[in-house]
Amino acid sequence: MNEQNYATLEASQRLAEAGIVLETEKYWVHYLRKDVWKLSEINAPVMMLYEMYPAPSMAEVWRELPEGTDFTKGAKISAAWCCHGKLGSPEFQNANPTDALINLLIWIKTLANKDKQ
């Protein structure tokens, strides 16, 4: 399993803090006895868990982005809602591409919520 295909623990926590819940195959699980976080499936016994965060894959995050989202290497996005020069900022540049998509998704959902108010 390539962990680069899944969100890091930090990005998974940011998603939870933003109130965005995605259906995922993998989770970051805190094993209480060993005091360690591991990327795993949810099959772990509940008694061994302390905390758990969904760890979406790139595909699982991509499905949540609005239709018309199209970008190339270098984070150029051609959707009308995203042409404000924000994507060159450090928050959208990440060594883990899934984390970068999560940052984008959180930003989009935050904008959408502001528009509703």
N, C-alpha and C. Protein backbone atom coordinates (compact mmCIF):
# COMPACT_ATOMS: atom_id res chain seq x y z
N MET A 1 0.85 -1.17 0.00
CA MET A 1 0.00 0.00 0.00
C MET A 1 0.90 1.24 0.00
N ASN A 2 0.65 2.12 -0.90
CA ASN A 2 1.40 3.38 -0.97
C ASN A 2 0.66 4.43 -0.14
N GLU A 3 1.25 4.83 0.98
CA GLU A 3 0.59 5.80 1.86
C GLU A 3 0.42 7.15 1.18
N GLN A 4 1.19 7.44 0.12
CA GLN A 4 1.04 8.70 -0.61
C GLN A 4 -0.31 8.77 -1.32
N ASN A 5 -0.98 7.64 -1.49
CA ASN A 5 -2.30 7.63 -2.13
C ASN A 5 -3.41 7.96 -1.15
N TYR A 6 -3.07 8.09 0.13
CA TYR A 6 -4.05 8.37 1.16
C TYR A 6 -3.68 9.65 1.90
N ALA A 7 -4.65 10.24 2.53
CA ALA A 7 -4.42 11.46 3.30
C ALA A 7 -3.52 11.16 4.50
N THR A 8 -2.71 12.13 4.86
CA THR A 8 -1.92 12.00 6.08
C THR A 8 -2.86 12.16 7.28
N LEU A 9 -2.36 11.81 8.44
CA LEU A 9 -3.15 11.97 9.66
C LEU A 9 -3.55 13.43 9.85
N GLU A 10 -2.61 14.34 9.60
CA GLU A 10 -2.89 15.77 9.79
C GLU A 10 -4.01 16.25 8.86
N ALA A 11 -3.96 15.84 7.60
CA ALA A 11 -5.01 16.24 6.65
C ALA A 11 -6.35 15.61 7.02
N SER A 12 -6.32 14.37 7.48
CA SER A 12 -7.55 13.71 7.92
C SER A 12 -8.17 14.44 9.10
N GLN A 13 -7.33 14.92 10.01
CA GLN A 13 -7.83 15.69 11.16
C GLN A 13 -8.41 17.02 10.70
N ARG A 14 -7.77 17.68 9.71
CA ARG A 14 -8.31 18.95 9.19
C ARG A 14 -9.68 18.74 8.57
N LEU A 15 -9.86 17.63 7.85
CA LEU A 15 -11.17 17.33 7.27
C LEU A 15 -12.23 17.21 8.37
N ALA A 16 -11.89 16.49 9.41
CA ALA A 16 -12.84 16.31 10.52
C ALA A 16 -13.16 17.64 11.19
N GLU A 17 -12.14 18.47 11.39
CA GLU A 17 -12.36 19.79 12.01
C GLU A 17 -13.23 20.68 11.15
N ALA A 18 -13.15 20.50 9.81
CA ALA A 18 -13.96 21.29 8.90
C ALA A 18 -15.38 20.72 8.77
N GLY A 19 -15.64 19.59 9.42
CA GLY A 19 -16.97 19.00 9.37
C GLY A 19 -17.25 18.26 8.08
N ILE A 20 -16.22 17.87 7.36
CA ILE A 20 -16.39 17.16 6.10
C ILE A 20 -16.15 15.67 6.37
N VAL A 21 -17.17 14.87 6.12
CA VAL A 21 -17.08 13.44 6.36
C VAL A 21 -17.17 12.73 5.01
N LEU A 22 -16.15 11.95 4.71
CA LEU A 22 -16.13 11.20 3.46
C LEU A 22 -16.18 9.71 3.76
N GLU A 23 -16.85 8.97 2.89
CA GLU A 23 -16.86 7.52 3.02
C GLU A 23 -15.53 7.01 2.49
N THR A 24 -14.81 6.27 3.31
CA THR A 24 -13.47 5.84 2.94
C THR A 24 -13.27 4.34 3.22
N GLU A 25 -12.23 3.81 2.58
CA GLU A 25 -11.85 2.42 2.81
C GLU A 25 -10.83 2.31 3.93
N LYS A 26 -10.04 3.36 4.14
CA LYS A 26 -8.96 3.34 5.13
C LYS A 26 -9.21 4.39 6.20
N TYR A 27 -8.62 4.16 7.36
CA TYR A 27 -8.75 5.07 8.49
C TYR A 27 -7.41 5.20 9.20
N TRP A 28 -7.18 6.38 9.77
CA TRP A 28 -6.07 6.53 10.70
C TRP A 28 -6.59 6.10 12.05
N VAL A 29 -5.96 5.10 12.63
CA VAL A 29 -6.43 4.52 13.87
C VAL A 29 -5.35 4.66 14.93
N HIS A 30 -5.75 5.15 16.10
CA HIS A 30 -4.82 5.26 17.22
C HIS A 30 -4.99 4.03 18.09
N TYR A 31 -3.94 3.22 18.15
CA TYR A 31 -3.96 2.01 18.97
C TYR A 31 -3.47 2.38 20.36
N LEU A 32 -4.36 2.31 21.32
CA LEU A 32 -4.10 2.79 22.67
C LEU A 32 -2.96 2.04 23.34
N ARG A 33 -2.95 0.74 23.22
CA ARG A 33 -1.93 -0.05 23.92
C ARG A 33 -0.51 0.29 23.46
N LYS A 34 -0.35 0.55 22.17
CA LYS A 34 0.98 0.85 21.63
C LYS A 34 1.22 2.35 21.48
N ASP A 35 0.18 3.14 21.69
CA ASP A 35 0.23 4.59 21.49
C ASP A 35 0.84 4.94 20.14
N VAL A 36 0.26 4.35 19.10
CA VAL A 36 0.74 4.57 17.74
C VAL A 36 -0.45 4.76 16.80
N TRP A 37 -0.24 5.60 15.79
CA TRP A 37 -1.25 5.80 14.75
C TRP A 37 -0.87 4.94 13.55
N LYS A 38 -1.85 4.23 12.99
CA LYS A 38 -1.60 3.40 11.81
C LYS A 38 -2.71 3.60 10.81
N LEU A 39 -2.33 3.56 9.53
CA LEU A 39 -3.30 3.60 8.44
C LEU A 39 -3.79 2.17 8.25
N SER A 40 -5.09 1.95 8.46
CA SER A 40 -5.60 0.59 8.37
C SER A 40 -7.07 0.59 7.98
N GLU A 41 -7.58 -0.62 7.80
CA GLU A 41 -9.01 -0.76 7.55
C GLU A 41 -9.71 -0.75 8.90
N ILE A 42 -10.99 -0.55 8.88
CA ILE A 42 -11.76 -0.38 10.11
C ILE A 42 -11.95 -1.69 10.87
N ASN A 43 -11.39 -2.77 10.42
CA ASN A 43 -11.60 -4.07 11.05
C ASN A 43 -10.95 -4.20 12.42
N ALA A 44 -10.26 -3.18 12.90
CA ALA A 44 -9.57 -3.26 14.19
C ALA A 44 -10.58 -3.39 15.32
N PRO A 45 -10.25 -4.18 16.33
CA PRO A 45 -11.15 -4.30 17.48
C PRO A 45 -11.34 -2.96 18.17
N VAL A 46 -12.56 -2.62 18.51
CA VAL A 46 -12.89 -1.33 19.09
C VAL A 46 -12.19 -1.10 20.42
N MET A 47 -11.97 -2.13 21.19
CA MET A 47 -11.34 -1.97 22.50
C MET A 47 -9.90 -1.47 22.40
N MET A 48 -9.26 -1.64 21.26
CA MET A 48 -7.87 -1.23 21.10
C MET A 48 -7.75 0.20 20.59
N LEU A 49 -8.86 0.80 20.23
CA LEU A 49 -8.83 2.11 19.60
C LEU A 49 -8.99 3.23 20.60
N TYR A 50 -8.35 4.32 20.33
CA TYR A 50 -8.55 5.52 21.11
C TYR A 50 -9.23 6.57 20.26
N GLU A 51 -8.66 6.85 19.09
CA GLU A 51 -9.25 7.79 18.14
C GLU A 51 -9.19 7.19 16.75
N MET A 52 -10.01 7.74 15.86
CA MET A 52 -10.03 7.25 14.49
C MET A 52 -10.48 8.38 13.57
N TYR A 53 -9.80 8.53 12.43
CA TYR A 53 -10.16 9.53 11.42
C TYR A 53 -10.21 8.85 10.06
N PRO A 54 -11.23 9.13 9.25
CA PRO A 54 -11.23 8.62 7.88
C PRO A 54 -10.00 9.12 7.14
N ALA A 55 -9.38 8.24 6.37
CA ALA A 55 -8.19 8.58 5.57
C ALA A 55 -8.53 8.37 4.10
N PRO A 56 -9.09 9.38 3.46
CA PRO A 56 -9.52 9.20 2.07
C PRO A 56 -8.35 9.04 1.11
N SER A 57 -8.61 8.32 0.05
CA SER A 57 -7.65 8.20 -1.05
C SER A 57 -7.84 9.39 -1.98
N MET A 58 -6.94 9.52 -2.94
CA MET A 58 -7.08 10.61 -3.91
C MET A 58 -8.43 10.53 -4.62
N ALA A 59 -8.81 9.32 -5.03
CA ALA A 59 -10.08 9.15 -5.75
C ALA A 59 -11.28 9.53 -4.89
N GLU A 60 -11.22 9.19 -3.61
CA GLU A 60 -12.34 9.50 -2.71
C GLU A 60 -12.49 11.02 -2.51
N VAL A 61 -11.39 11.74 -2.48
CA VAL A 61 -11.45 13.20 -2.37
C VAL A 61 -11.89 13.79 -3.69
N TRP A 62 -11.34 13.29 -4.78
CA TRP A 62 -11.65 13.82 -6.12
C TRP A 62 -13.15 13.78 -6.38
N ARG A 63 -13.82 12.70 -5.95
CA ARG A 63 -15.27 12.58 -6.16
C ARG A 63 -16.05 13.70 -5.51
N GLU A 64 -15.51 14.29 -4.44
CA GLU A 64 -16.20 15.35 -3.71
C GLU A 64 -15.99 16.73 -4.32
N LEU A 65 -15.02 16.88 -5.22
CA LEU A 65 -14.77 18.18 -5.85
C LEU A 65 -15.86 18.47 -6.86
N PRO A 66 -16.19 19.74 -7.07
CA PRO A 66 -17.25 20.09 -8.03
C PRO A 66 -16.90 19.66 -9.46
N GLU A 67 -17.95 19.38 -10.23
CA GLU A 67 -17.73 19.05 -11.64
C GLU A 67 -17.04 20.22 -12.31
N GLY A 68 -16.18 19.91 -13.25
CA GLY A 68 -15.46 20.96 -13.97
C GLY A 68 -14.11 21.25 -13.37
N THR A 69 -13.79 20.62 -12.24
CA THR A 69 -12.46 20.81 -11.67
C THR A 69 -11.48 20.09 -12.56
N ASP A 70 -10.53 20.83 -13.06
CA ASP A 70 -9.55 20.27 -13.99
C ASP A 70 -8.23 20.94 -13.71
N PHE A 71 -7.23 20.16 -13.31
CA PHE A 71 -5.95 20.80 -13.12
C PHE A 71 -4.81 19.93 -13.57
N THR A 72 -3.71 20.60 -13.83
CA THR A 72 -2.51 19.96 -14.33
C THR A 72 -1.41 20.14 -13.31
N LYS A 73 -0.30 19.49 -13.53
CA LYS A 73 0.83 19.65 -12.63
C LYS A 73 1.18 21.12 -12.53
N GLY A 74 1.38 21.60 -11.34
CA GLY A 74 1.61 23.02 -11.12
C GLY A 74 0.38 23.67 -10.52
N ALA A 75 -0.64 22.90 -10.24
CA ALA A 75 -1.86 23.37 -9.56
C ALA A 75 -2.60 24.44 -10.32
N LYS A 76 -2.67 24.34 -11.63
CA LYS A 76 -3.51 25.26 -12.41
C LYS A 76 -4.90 24.65 -12.48
N ILE A 77 -5.87 25.39 -12.08
CA ILE A 77 -7.24 24.89 -12.07
C ILE A 77 -8.09 25.76 -12.98
N SER A 78 -8.87 25.11 -13.82
CA SER A 78 -9.62 25.87 -14.82
C SER A 78 -11.09 26.02 -14.50
N ALA A 79 -11.48 25.80 -13.27
CA ALA A 79 -12.88 25.99 -12.91
C ALA A 79 -13.13 27.47 -12.59
N ALA A 80 -14.29 27.98 -12.97
CA ALA A 80 -14.58 29.41 -12.82
C ALA A 80 -14.50 29.88 -11.38
N TRP A 81 -14.87 29.04 -10.42
CA TRP A 81 -14.90 29.43 -9.02
C TRP A 81 -13.52 29.54 -8.41
N CYS A 82 -12.49 29.18 -9.16
CA CYS A 82 -11.17 29.07 -8.57
C CYS A 82 -10.13 29.99 -9.21
N CYS A 83 -10.52 30.99 -9.87
CA CYS A 83 -9.56 31.82 -10.59
C CYS A 83 -9.20 33.08 -9.81
N HIS A 84 -8.84 32.94 -8.57
CA HIS A 84 -8.51 34.10 -7.74
C HIS A 84 -7.06 34.11 -7.31
N GLY A 85 -6.20 33.31 -7.94
CA GLY A 85 -4.79 33.30 -7.60
C GLY A 85 -4.46 32.61 -6.30
N LYS A 86 -5.43 31.98 -5.66
CA LYS A 86 -5.21 31.36 -4.36
C LYS A 86 -4.43 30.06 -4.47
N LEU A 87 -4.50 29.39 -5.61
CA LEU A 87 -3.95 28.06 -5.69
C LEU A 87 -2.43 28.01 -5.72
N GLY A 88 -1.78 29.14 -5.91
CA GLY A 88 -0.33 29.17 -5.83
C GLY A 88 0.17 29.29 -4.41
N SER A 89 -0.74 29.49 -3.47
CA SER A 89 -0.35 29.68 -2.08
C SER A 89 0.12 28.36 -1.47
N PRO A 90 0.96 28.43 -0.44
CA PRO A 90 1.53 27.22 0.15
C PRO A 90 0.52 26.20 0.65
N GLU A 91 -0.67 26.64 1.06
CA GLU A 91 -1.65 25.69 1.59
C GLU A 91 -2.12 24.68 0.54
N PHE A 92 -1.95 25.00 -0.74
CA PHE A 92 -2.37 24.08 -1.80
C PHE A 92 -1.20 23.34 -2.42
N GLN A 93 0.00 23.57 -1.91
CA GLN A 93 1.18 22.86 -2.39
C GLN A 93 1.60 21.91 -1.29
N ASN A 94 1.67 20.63 -1.61
CA ASN A 94 1.93 19.64 -0.59
C ASN A 94 2.66 18.48 -1.21
N ALA A 95 3.56 17.86 -0.45
CA ALA A 95 4.29 16.70 -0.94
C ALA A 95 3.35 15.52 -1.18
N ASN A 96 2.27 15.45 -0.41
CA ASN A 96 1.28 14.40 -0.57
C ASN A 96 0.14 14.97 -1.42
N PRO A 97 -0.05 14.44 -2.63
CA PRO A 97 -1.09 15.00 -3.51
C PRO A 97 -2.50 14.88 -2.94
N THR A 98 -2.76 13.86 -2.15
CA THR A 98 -4.08 13.72 -1.53
C THR A 98 -4.32 14.84 -0.53
N ASP A 99 -3.29 15.20 0.22
CA ASP A 99 -3.42 16.31 1.17
C ASP A 99 -3.72 17.62 0.45
N ALA A 100 -3.06 17.83 -0.70
CA ALA A 100 -3.32 19.05 -1.48
C ALA A 100 -4.77 19.09 -1.95
N LEU A 101 -5.31 17.95 -2.39
CA LEU A 101 -6.72 17.89 -2.79
C LEU A 101 -7.64 18.16 -1.59
N ILE A 102 -7.26 17.67 -0.43
CA ILE A 102 -8.06 17.91 0.78
C ILE A 102 -8.07 19.40 1.11
N ASN A 103 -6.92 20.04 1.02
CA ASN A 103 -6.87 21.48 1.27
C ASN A 103 -7.78 22.23 0.30
N LEU A 104 -7.77 21.81 -0.96
CA LEU A 104 -8.63 22.42 -1.96
C LEU A 104 -10.11 22.18 -1.63
N LEU A 105 -10.45 20.96 -1.26
CA LEU A 105 -11.83 20.63 -0.91
C LEU A 105 -12.31 21.44 0.28
N ILE A 106 -11.48 21.57 1.31
CA ILE A 106 -11.87 22.37 2.48
C ILE A 106 -12.08 23.82 2.07
N TRP A 107 -11.22 24.36 1.23
CA TRP A 107 -11.34 25.74 0.77
C TRP A 107 -12.63 25.94 -0.01
N ILE A 108 -12.95 25.00 -0.91
CA ILE A 108 -14.16 25.10 -1.72
C ILE A 108 -15.41 25.02 -0.83
N LYS A 109 -15.42 24.08 0.10
CA LYS A 109 -16.58 23.93 0.99
C LYS A 109 -16.74 25.17 1.87
N THR A 110 -15.64 25.77 2.30
CA THR A 110 -15.70 26.99 3.12
C THR A 110 -16.31 28.13 2.30
N LEU A 111 -15.89 28.26 1.03
CA LEU A 111 -16.46 29.29 0.15
C LEU A 111 -17.94 29.06 -0.08
N ALA A 112 -18.31 27.82 -0.29
CA ALA A 112 -19.72 27.47 -0.55
C ALA A 112 -20.57 27.82 0.67
N ASN A 113 -20.06 27.55 1.86
CA ASN A 113 -20.81 27.87 3.08
C ASN A 113 -20.95 29.37 3.28
N LYS A 114 -19.92 30.14 2.90
CA LYS A 114 -20.00 31.60 3.01
C LYS A 114 -21.03 32.16 2.05
N ASP A 115 -21.12 31.56 0.84
CA ASP A 115 -22.09 32.02 -0.15
C ASP A 115 -23.53 31.75 0.30
N LYS A 116 -23.72 30.70 1.09
CA LYS A 116 -25.07 30.34 1.57
C LYS A 116 -25.55 31.29 2.67
N GLN A 117 -24.61 31.93 3.36
CA GLN A 117 -24.99 32.78 4.49
C GLN A 117 -25.43 34.12 4.06
